[in-house]
Protein backbone atom coordinates (compact mmCIF):
# COMPACT_ATOMS: atom_id res chain seq x y z
CA MET A 1 -30.46 -21.20 19.89
CA ALA A 2 -28.21 -18.52 18.41
CA ASP A 3 -24.86 -18.05 20.16
CA ARG A 4 -25.10 -14.55 21.63
CA ARG A 5 -22.36 -13.01 23.74
CA ILE A 6 -21.56 -9.67 25.33
CA LEU A 7 -18.07 -8.70 24.18
CA ASN A 8 -15.64 -5.89 24.97
CA VAL A 9 -13.63 -4.69 21.96
CA GLU A 10 -10.00 -4.33 22.98
CA LYS A 11 -8.11 -3.38 19.81
CA LEU A 12 -8.29 -3.13 16.03
CA ALA A 13 -7.00 -5.86 13.72
CA SER A 14 -4.95 -4.95 10.66
CA GLY A 15 -7.89 -5.70 8.36
CA GLY A 16 -10.13 -3.24 10.20
CA ASP A 17 -12.17 -5.61 12.39
CA GLY A 18 -12.36 -5.06 16.11
CA ILE A 19 -10.85 -7.75 18.34
CA ALA A 20 -12.47 -9.09 21.49
CA PHE A 21 -11.75 -12.19 23.57
CA SER A 22 -14.25 -14.76 24.79
CA ASP A 23 -13.34 -17.85 26.82
CA GLY A 24 -9.75 -17.54 25.62
CA GLN A 25 -10.71 -17.27 21.95
CA VAL A 26 -10.11 -14.33 19.64
CA VAL A 27 -13.29 -12.83 18.21
CA PHE A 28 -13.25 -10.61 15.12
CA ILE A 29 -16.11 -8.09 14.99
CA PRO A 30 -16.52 -5.97 11.82
CA PHE A 31 -17.52 -2.31 12.23
CA SER A 32 -16.68 -2.18 15.91
CA ILE A 33 -14.35 0.22 17.76
CA PRO A 34 -11.95 -0.47 20.63
CA GLY A 35 -13.60 0.43 23.91
CA GLU A 36 -17.11 -0.56 22.87
CA ARG A 37 -19.25 -3.09 24.73
CA LEU A 38 -21.41 -5.06 22.32
CA LEU A 39 -24.09 -7.70 22.22
CA CYS A 40 -22.97 -9.94 19.36
CA HIS A 41 -24.07 -13.00 17.44
CA ILE A 42 -21.33 -15.54 16.63
CA THR A 43 -21.42 -16.10 12.86
CA GLU A 44 -18.35 -18.31 12.38
CA GLU A 45 -16.34 -20.58 14.63
CA THR A 46 -12.98 -22.17 13.82
CA ALA A 47 -10.29 -23.80 15.92
CA ASP A 48 -8.35 -20.54 15.95
CA PHE A 49 -10.92 -17.74 16.11
CA LEU A 50 -14.54 -16.65 16.05
CA ARG A 51 -16.36 -14.08 13.95
CA ALA A 52 -19.32 -12.11 15.19
CA GLU A 53 -21.77 -9.47 14.08
CA ILE A 54 -23.13 -6.65 16.20
CA LEU A 55 -26.71 -7.00 17.42
CA GLU A 56 -26.70 -4.09 19.86
CA ASN A 57 -24.15 -1.48 20.88
CA LEU A 58 -24.35 -1.42 24.68
CA SER A 59 -21.68 1.25 25.10
CA ALA A 60 -20.78 3.13 21.93
CA SER A 61 -17.38 4.71 21.40
CA PRO A 62 -17.24 8.52 21.41
CA TYR A 63 -15.31 8.14 18.14
CA ARG A 64 -18.23 6.45 16.35
CA VAL A 65 -19.59 8.58 13.50
CA ALA A 66 -22.22 8.20 10.80
CA ALA A 67 -20.71 6.83 7.59
CA PRO A 68 -21.18 9.21 4.62
CA CYS A 69 -21.56 6.36 2.14
CA PRO A 70 -24.99 4.65 1.94
CA LEU A 71 -23.26 1.41 0.88
CA PHE A 72 -20.91 1.25 3.85
CA GLY A 73 -21.16 -2.18 5.43
CA ASP A 74 -22.33 -3.81 2.20
CA CYS A 75 -19.58 -2.55 -0.13
CA GLY A 76 -16.24 -4.30 0.25
CA GLY A 77 -14.19 -1.16 -0.38
CA CYS A 78 -14.17 0.49 3.07
CA ASP A 79 -13.79 -0.83 6.60
CA LEU A 80 -13.57 2.21 8.87
CA GLN A 81 -16.05 4.89 7.84
CA HIS A 82 -17.72 4.45 11.24
CA ILE A 83 -14.59 5.74 13.05
CA GLU A 84 -13.65 9.42 13.33
CA TYR A 85 -10.60 9.98 11.15
CA SER A 86 -8.09 11.14 13.79
CA ARG A 87 -8.92 8.00 15.77
CA GLN A 88 -8.37 5.85 12.67
CA LEU A 89 -4.84 7.23 12.50
CA GLU A 90 -4.18 6.50 16.16
CA LEU A 91 -5.45 2.93 15.81
CA LYS A 92 -3.32 2.30 12.72
CA GLY A 93 -0.32 3.59 14.64
CA GLN A 94 -1.08 1.09 17.40
CA ILE A 95 -1.26 -1.76 14.87
CA PHE A 96 2.10 -0.74 13.40
CA ALA A 97 3.73 -0.44 16.84
CA GLU A 98 2.43 -3.86 17.87
CA SER A 99 3.95 -5.47 14.76
CA LEU A 100 7.34 -3.98 15.55
CA SER A 101 7.14 -5.30 19.10
CA ARG A 102 5.54 -8.70 18.48
CA ILE A 103 7.10 -9.69 15.14
CA ALA A 104 10.34 -7.71 14.93
CA LYS A 105 11.05 -8.11 18.65
CA LEU A 106 12.35 -4.57 18.64
CA PRO A 107 12.32 -2.19 21.60
CA GLU A 108 9.76 0.60 21.41
CA GLN A 109 10.32 2.67 18.26
CA GLU A 110 9.32 6.26 17.63
CA PHE A 111 7.53 6.87 14.34
CA SER A 112 5.56 9.59 12.59
CA LEU A 113 2.01 9.36 11.25
CA ARG A 114 1.17 11.14 8.00
CA ALA A 115 -2.51 11.90 7.49
CA SER A 116 -4.32 12.06 4.17
CA ALA A 117 -7.49 13.80 3.11
CA PRO A 118 -10.01 11.35 4.58
CA TYR A 119 -12.22 11.35 1.47
CA ALA A 120 -12.03 12.05 -2.30
CA TYR A 121 -8.41 10.91 -2.41
CA ARG A 122 -8.40 8.03 -4.91
CA ASN A 123 -7.49 8.87 -8.51
CA ARG A 124 -8.21 5.26 -9.53
CA VAL A 125 -11.05 2.88 -8.70
CA GLU A 126 -11.99 -0.54 -10.04
CA LEU A 127 -15.65 -0.95 -10.90
CA HIS A 128 -17.75 -3.94 -11.89
CA VAL A 129 -20.91 -4.34 -13.94
CA THR A 130 -23.91 -5.05 -11.74
CA ALA A 131 -26.79 -7.40 -12.43
CA ASP A 132 -29.02 -4.40 -13.24
CA GLN A 133 -26.52 -3.17 -15.86
CA GLY A 134 -24.97 -0.41 -13.75
CA PHE A 135 -21.49 0.12 -12.34
CA GLY A 136 -20.46 -0.55 -8.77
CA TYR A 137 -18.23 -2.39 -6.33
CA MET A 138 -18.11 -5.95 -5.07
CA LYS A 139 -20.44 -6.71 -2.20
CA ARG A 140 -18.63 -7.63 1.00
CA GLY A 141 -18.19 -11.39 1.27
CA SER A 142 -19.82 -11.96 -2.12
CA GLY A 143 -18.94 -12.41 -5.75
CA ASN A 144 -21.68 -10.00 -6.79
CA ALA A 145 -21.40 -6.30 -7.59
CA ILE A 146 -23.69 -3.65 -6.13
CA ARG A 147 -24.55 -0.40 -7.90
CA ALA A 148 -22.72 2.59 -6.39
CA PRO A 149 -24.41 6.02 -6.33
CA GLY A 150 -21.08 7.83 -6.33
CA CYS A 151 -18.12 7.04 -4.10
CA PRO A 152 -16.89 9.34 -1.30
CA ILE A 153 -13.30 8.03 -1.33
CA ALA A 154 -12.92 8.49 -5.11
CA ALA A 155 -11.72 11.77 -6.58
CA LYS A 156 -14.66 14.02 -7.37
CA PRO A 157 -14.53 13.62 -11.19
CA ILE A 158 -14.75 9.84 -10.79
CA SER A 159 -17.51 10.01 -8.20
CA ASP A 160 -19.51 12.47 -10.32
CA TRP A 161 -19.08 10.25 -13.37
CA LEU A 162 -20.25 7.24 -11.40
CA LYS A 163 -23.39 9.09 -10.28
CA THR A 164 -24.49 9.85 -13.81
CA GLN A 165 -23.05 7.07 -15.97
CA ASN A 166 -25.42 4.60 -17.61
CA ARG A 167 -23.96 1.38 -18.84
CA LYS A 168 -23.41 1.27 -22.63
CA GLY A 169 -22.24 -1.36 -25.08
CA LYS A 170 -21.65 -5.04 -24.44
CA PRO A 171 -21.12 -6.41 -20.93
CA SER A 172 -17.59 -6.17 -19.57
CA LYS A 173 -16.12 -7.98 -16.59
CA GLU A 174 -14.76 -4.87 -14.93
CA LEU A 175 -13.86 -1.27 -15.47
CA GLN A 176 -11.14 0.94 -14.09
CA ALA A 177 -11.54 4.69 -13.91
CA ARG A 178 -8.48 6.88 -13.54
CA ILE A 179 -7.93 10.60 -13.67
CA GLY A 180 -4.65 12.03 -14.86
CA PRO A 181 -3.18 15.54 -14.66
CA LYS A 182 -5.37 16.97 -17.42
CA GLU A 183 -7.84 14.31 -18.41
CA ARG A 184 -10.35 11.74 -17.26
CA PHE A 185 -10.57 8.36 -18.92
CA VAL A 186 -11.91 4.87 -18.34
CA LEU A 187 -10.47 1.47 -19.12
CA PHE A 188 -12.53 -1.59 -19.98
CA ALA A 189 -10.64 -4.73 -18.96
CA GLN A 190 -11.87 -7.65 -21.06
CA SER A 191 -10.75 -11.25 -21.43
CA GLY A 192 -8.49 -10.54 -24.41
CA PRO A 193 -5.77 -7.94 -25.06
CA LEU A 194 -6.78 -4.35 -24.41
CA LYS A 195 -7.48 -2.52 -27.67
CA ILE A 196 -9.51 0.68 -27.52
CA GLU A 197 -9.37 2.99 -30.50
CA GLY A 198 -8.02 6.41 -29.63
CA LEU A 199 -6.90 5.43 -26.12
CA ASP A 200 -3.19 5.50 -25.29
CA ALA A 201 -1.87 2.27 -23.76
CA LYS A 202 -0.25 4.23 -20.93
CA ALA A 203 -1.66 6.38 -18.18
CA GLN A 204 -0.07 9.49 -16.73
CA ALA A 205 0.26 10.73 -13.15
CA LEU A 206 1.74 13.97 -11.87
CA VAL A 207 3.74 13.51 -8.66
CA GLY A 208 5.94 16.18 -7.14
CA GLY A 209 5.91 18.23 -10.31
CA ARG A 210 7.15 15.28 -12.35
CA SER A 211 5.00 13.44 -14.89
CA TYR A 212 5.09 9.63 -14.81
CA ARG A 213 3.77 7.33 -17.49
CA PHE A 214 2.83 3.73 -16.71
CA PRO A 215 0.84 0.88 -18.28
CA LEU A 216 -2.91 1.35 -17.93
CA SER A 217 -3.37 -2.17 -16.58
CA HIS A 218 -0.53 -1.90 -14.03
CA PHE A 219 -0.38 -0.68 -10.47
CA PHE A 220 0.43 2.90 -9.63
CA GLN A 221 -0.37 4.53 -6.31
CA SER A 222 -3.93 5.85 -6.29
CA ASN A 223 -3.42 8.53 -3.62
CA LEU A 224 -1.09 10.93 -5.42
CA THR A 225 -0.88 13.47 -2.60
CA MET A 226 0.46 10.84 -0.23
CA THR A 227 2.68 9.42 -2.97
CA GLU A 228 4.37 12.81 -3.28
CA LEU A 229 4.91 12.98 0.47
CA LEU A 230 6.34 9.44 0.56
CA LEU A 231 8.64 10.21 -2.36
CA ARG A 232 9.95 13.34 -0.69
CA GLU A 233 10.65 11.64 2.64
CA ALA A 234 12.19 8.52 1.09
CA LEU A 235 14.71 10.53 -0.94
CA SER A 236 15.33 13.51 1.32
CA GLY A 237 18.96 14.42 2.00
CA ILE A 238 20.63 11.62 0.04
CA SER A 239 23.13 11.85 -2.81
CA GLY A 240 26.19 10.04 -4.07
CA THR A 241 27.66 8.04 -6.91
CA ARG A 242 25.60 4.87 -7.18
CA ALA A 243 21.97 4.18 -6.22
CA LEU A 244 19.91 1.01 -6.54
CA ASP A 245 16.12 0.81 -6.97
CA LEU A 246 14.83 -2.69 -6.19
CA TYR A 247 11.32 -3.55 -7.42
CA ALA A 248 11.57 -0.34 -9.45
CA GLY A 249 8.19 -0.51 -11.19
CA ALA A 250 7.72 2.43 -13.56
CA GLY A 251 10.58 4.37 -11.94
CA LEU A 252 8.72 6.38 -9.29
CA PHE A 253 11.73 6.51 -6.98
CA ALA A 254 14.44 6.10 -9.62
CA ALA A 255 13.46 9.34 -11.35
CA GLY A 256 14.23 11.23 -8.15
CA LEU A 257 17.38 9.21 -7.46
CA ALA A 258 18.71 10.17 -10.90
CA GLU A 259 18.70 13.81 -9.80
CA SER A 260 20.99 13.13 -6.84
CA PHE A 261 23.19 10.21 -7.93
CA ASP A 262 25.57 9.70 -10.84
CA GLU A 263 24.22 6.25 -11.64
CA VAL A 264 20.92 4.50 -10.84
CA THR A 265 20.27 0.80 -11.38
CA LEU A 266 16.61 -0.19 -11.73
CA VAL A 267 15.79 -3.84 -11.08
CA GLU A 268 12.28 -4.83 -12.20
CA SER A 269 10.97 -8.15 -13.54
CA ASP A 270 7.87 -6.75 -15.26
CA THR A 271 8.88 -5.73 -18.77
CA LEU A 272 5.97 -3.33 -19.33
CA SER A 273 6.75 -1.45 -16.13
CA LEU A 274 10.42 -1.25 -17.03
CA GLU A 275 9.51 0.00 -20.49
CA ALA A 276 7.59 2.82 -18.81
CA ALA A 277 10.54 3.50 -16.51
CA ARG A 278 12.68 4.18 -19.58
CA GLU A 279 10.37 7.10 -20.32
CA ASN A 280 10.31 8.36 -16.74
CA VAL A 281 13.97 8.16 -15.71
CA ASN A 282 16.97 10.04 -17.09
CA ALA A 283 18.41 7.36 -19.39
CA ARG A 284 21.90 8.87 -19.32
CA LYS A 285 22.16 7.96 -15.65
CA ALA A 286 20.12 4.78 -15.53
CA ARG A 287 20.73 1.07 -16.01
CA PHE A 288 17.52 -0.89 -16.60
CA VAL A 289 17.75 -4.54 -15.51
CA PRO A 290 14.77 -6.73 -16.51
CA THR A 291 15.07 -9.50 -13.95
CA GLU A 292 13.96 -10.70 -10.53
CA VAL A 293 15.65 -9.03 -7.58
CA GLU A 294 17.06 -12.35 -6.36
CA GLU A 295 18.62 -13.02 -9.76
CA TRP A 296 20.24 -9.58 -9.81
CA ILE A 297 21.61 -10.19 -6.30
CA ARG A 298 23.20 -13.47 -7.41
CA ALA A 299 24.91 -11.65 -10.27
CA GLU A 300 25.96 -8.75 -8.05
CA SER A 301 27.38 -11.16 -5.46
CA ALA A 302 29.44 -12.84 -8.18
CA ARG A 303 30.76 -9.42 -9.24
CA SER A 304 31.65 -8.66 -5.63
CA ARG A 305 33.64 -11.89 -5.31
CA ARG A 306 35.63 -10.84 -8.38
CA GLY A 307 36.13 -7.36 -6.94
CA ALA A 308 34.11 -5.88 -9.80
CA ALA A 309 31.15 -4.46 -7.85
CA ALA A 310 31.21 -0.79 -6.88
CA PRO A 311 29.82 0.24 -3.47
CA ILE A 312 26.16 1.27 -3.40
CA ASP A 313 25.53 4.61 -1.74
CA TRP A 314 21.77 4.17 -1.33
CA ILE A 315 19.07 1.55 -1.92
CA VAL A 316 15.37 2.09 -2.36
CA ALA A 317 13.39 -1.13 -1.89
CA ASP A 318 9.61 -1.23 -2.43
CA PRO A 319 8.82 -4.96 -2.45
CA PRO A 320 5.43 -6.64 -2.86
CA ARG A 321 3.38 -7.63 0.18
CA SER A 322 5.59 -10.69 0.74
CA GLY A 323 8.45 -8.34 1.65
CA LEU A 324 12.15 -8.97 1.18
CA SER A 325 13.10 -12.56 0.44
CA PRO A 326 15.54 -14.39 2.76
CA SER A 327 18.28 -14.21 0.11
CA THR A 328 17.76 -10.45 -0.30
CA ARG A 329 18.04 -9.92 3.45
CA THR A 330 21.17 -12.06 3.58
CA TRP A 331 22.75 -10.00 0.82
CA LEU A 332 21.86 -6.74 2.57
CA LYS A 333 23.60 -7.93 5.73
CA ASN A 334 26.88 -8.28 3.86
CA ALA A 335 26.74 -5.75 1.01
CA ALA A 336 28.73 -2.52 0.87
CA VAL A 337 25.76 -0.19 1.20
CA GLY A 338 25.48 3.35 2.52
CA GLY A 339 21.82 3.24 3.55
CA MET A 340 18.33 2.23 2.52
CA SER A 341 14.79 3.53 2.20
CA TYR A 342 12.47 0.56 2.67
CA ILE A 343 8.85 1.09 1.65
CA SER A 344 6.20 -1.47 2.57
CA CYS A 345 2.46 -2.04 2.10
CA ASN A 346 2.49 -4.90 4.65
CA HIS A 347 3.47 -3.96 8.19
CA ALA A 348 3.82 -7.62 9.21
CA THR A 349 6.44 -8.55 6.61
CA MET A 350 8.13 -5.19 7.11
CA ALA A 351 8.43 -5.93 10.83
CA ARG A 352 9.88 -9.36 10.04
CA ASP A 353 12.45 -7.84 7.69
CA LEU A 354 13.39 -5.01 10.05
CA GLY A 355 13.84 -7.45 12.91
CA ASP A 356 16.14 -9.61 10.79
CA LEU A 357 18.22 -6.68 9.52
CA CYS A 358 18.51 -5.06 12.95
CA SER A 359 19.68 -8.35 14.45
CA SER A 360 22.72 -8.12 12.12
CA GLY A 361 23.56 -4.53 13.04
CA TRP A 362 21.40 -2.41 10.77
CA LYS A 363 19.95 0.62 12.52
CA ILE A 364 16.53 2.22 12.03
CA ASP A 365 17.07 5.96 11.59
CA SER A 366 13.41 6.89 11.09
CA LEU A 367 9.99 5.30 10.68
CA THR A 368 6.95 6.89 9.07
CA VAL A 369 3.43 5.50 8.61
CA PHE A 370 1.50 6.95 5.65
CA ASP A 371 -2.27 6.69 5.59
CA PHE A 372 -2.59 6.11 1.85
CA TYR A 373 -6.05 4.59 2.17
CA PRO A 374 -8.26 6.26 4.80
CA GLN A 375 -11.45 4.39 5.70
CA THR A 376 -9.64 1.07 5.15
CA GLY A 377 -7.39 -1.04 7.35
CA HIS A 378 -4.39 -0.72 5.02
CA ILE A 379 -1.07 0.72 6.22
CA GLU A 380 1.93 1.92 4.18
CA ALA A 381 5.23 2.64 5.89
CA LEU A 382 8.73 3.92 5.24
CA ALA A 383 11.83 2.91 7.17
CA ARG A 384 15.14 4.70 6.60
CA LEU A 385 18.03 2.55 7.73
CA SER A 386 21.80 2.57 7.95
CA PRO A 387 23.97 -0.55 8.05
CA PRO A 388 26.78 -1.13 10.54
CA LYS A 389 29.60 1.40 10.03
CA ALA A 390 27.87 2.83 6.97
CA PRO A 391 29.72 5.51 5.00
CA LYS A 392 28.10 8.91 5.17
CA THR A 393 25.67 9.64 2.36
CA GLY A 394 24.40 13.18 2.33
CA GLY A 395 23.58 16.06 0.13
């Protein structure tokens, strides 16, 4: 007999599933909302948790809404279209606050929540060729693509294109569609090097009145409105002699730093991204270092021991999901630094890093959560910090 249980959803997990508890076990329930009482079927059981699907909603949340996308639930792109948007923001704030408390072991922290347009915000989507020769997204929990009749979270030109486009040419593994400041274009990603006649190898994005170029195949934020807001808050009110951009990418933050500092050092291991940064950042003020952050830190530490390293007035760090490495955190605890803007796409590793830095005397000056990806469980955050007895850095 199927394992059916009545469950009360207590909170939202970072991936977007609701969390309930049954006989001391954690139960993850997709497409549920905290406060709901549900009749569920257990679909997976492990030593650590259960998964369940909803059979009947016995007490629906007042925040439950009809999803605008007909593929919601089947498509793997969205997790939260069933939740009213203001409530999504509140729940994401709760997830962030819990990470700071549980992982960072920090006292309660005040933070701001920055809302996005809930739909039509993505200037880039990744599409796949479906079995019936159309374009679509990957089916949730499957390796198969499903045809998408438009996409409500994609920018309107992309969604309109998707509605009308018929597949042409030979099969391709995937397709990315991006829109730039003045054009729309698509990228076919095949097994070999990308070579499309008449198509520039770099894309362009307009953020805060500044044009950025970056490799077509590389990451660049897909919610440009929120990117502009993040950029403004990360760099607000800072100036000085020397700035450092760790994990610099194509120079999103470094371009702004170059307007307020005499010298900016960009550390980035990806050579194509750094090549793009040379186009985006004022070269007269910039030093481009093609290496891993940890390698640069080893070299900088050696310079410090020789007395050859100048103080750093401000650091911008935007690491991958793994966060700051132990050696990077150790260096930050001892470096002559005026302050830091730490950007993260993983609230758990950010909480770990903030807890470690604060235990050595760093102070959190402000925290902001940016909802870059409404309708999903993803969270982006900015922490502005000052080290113990930091010199003043202001503009």
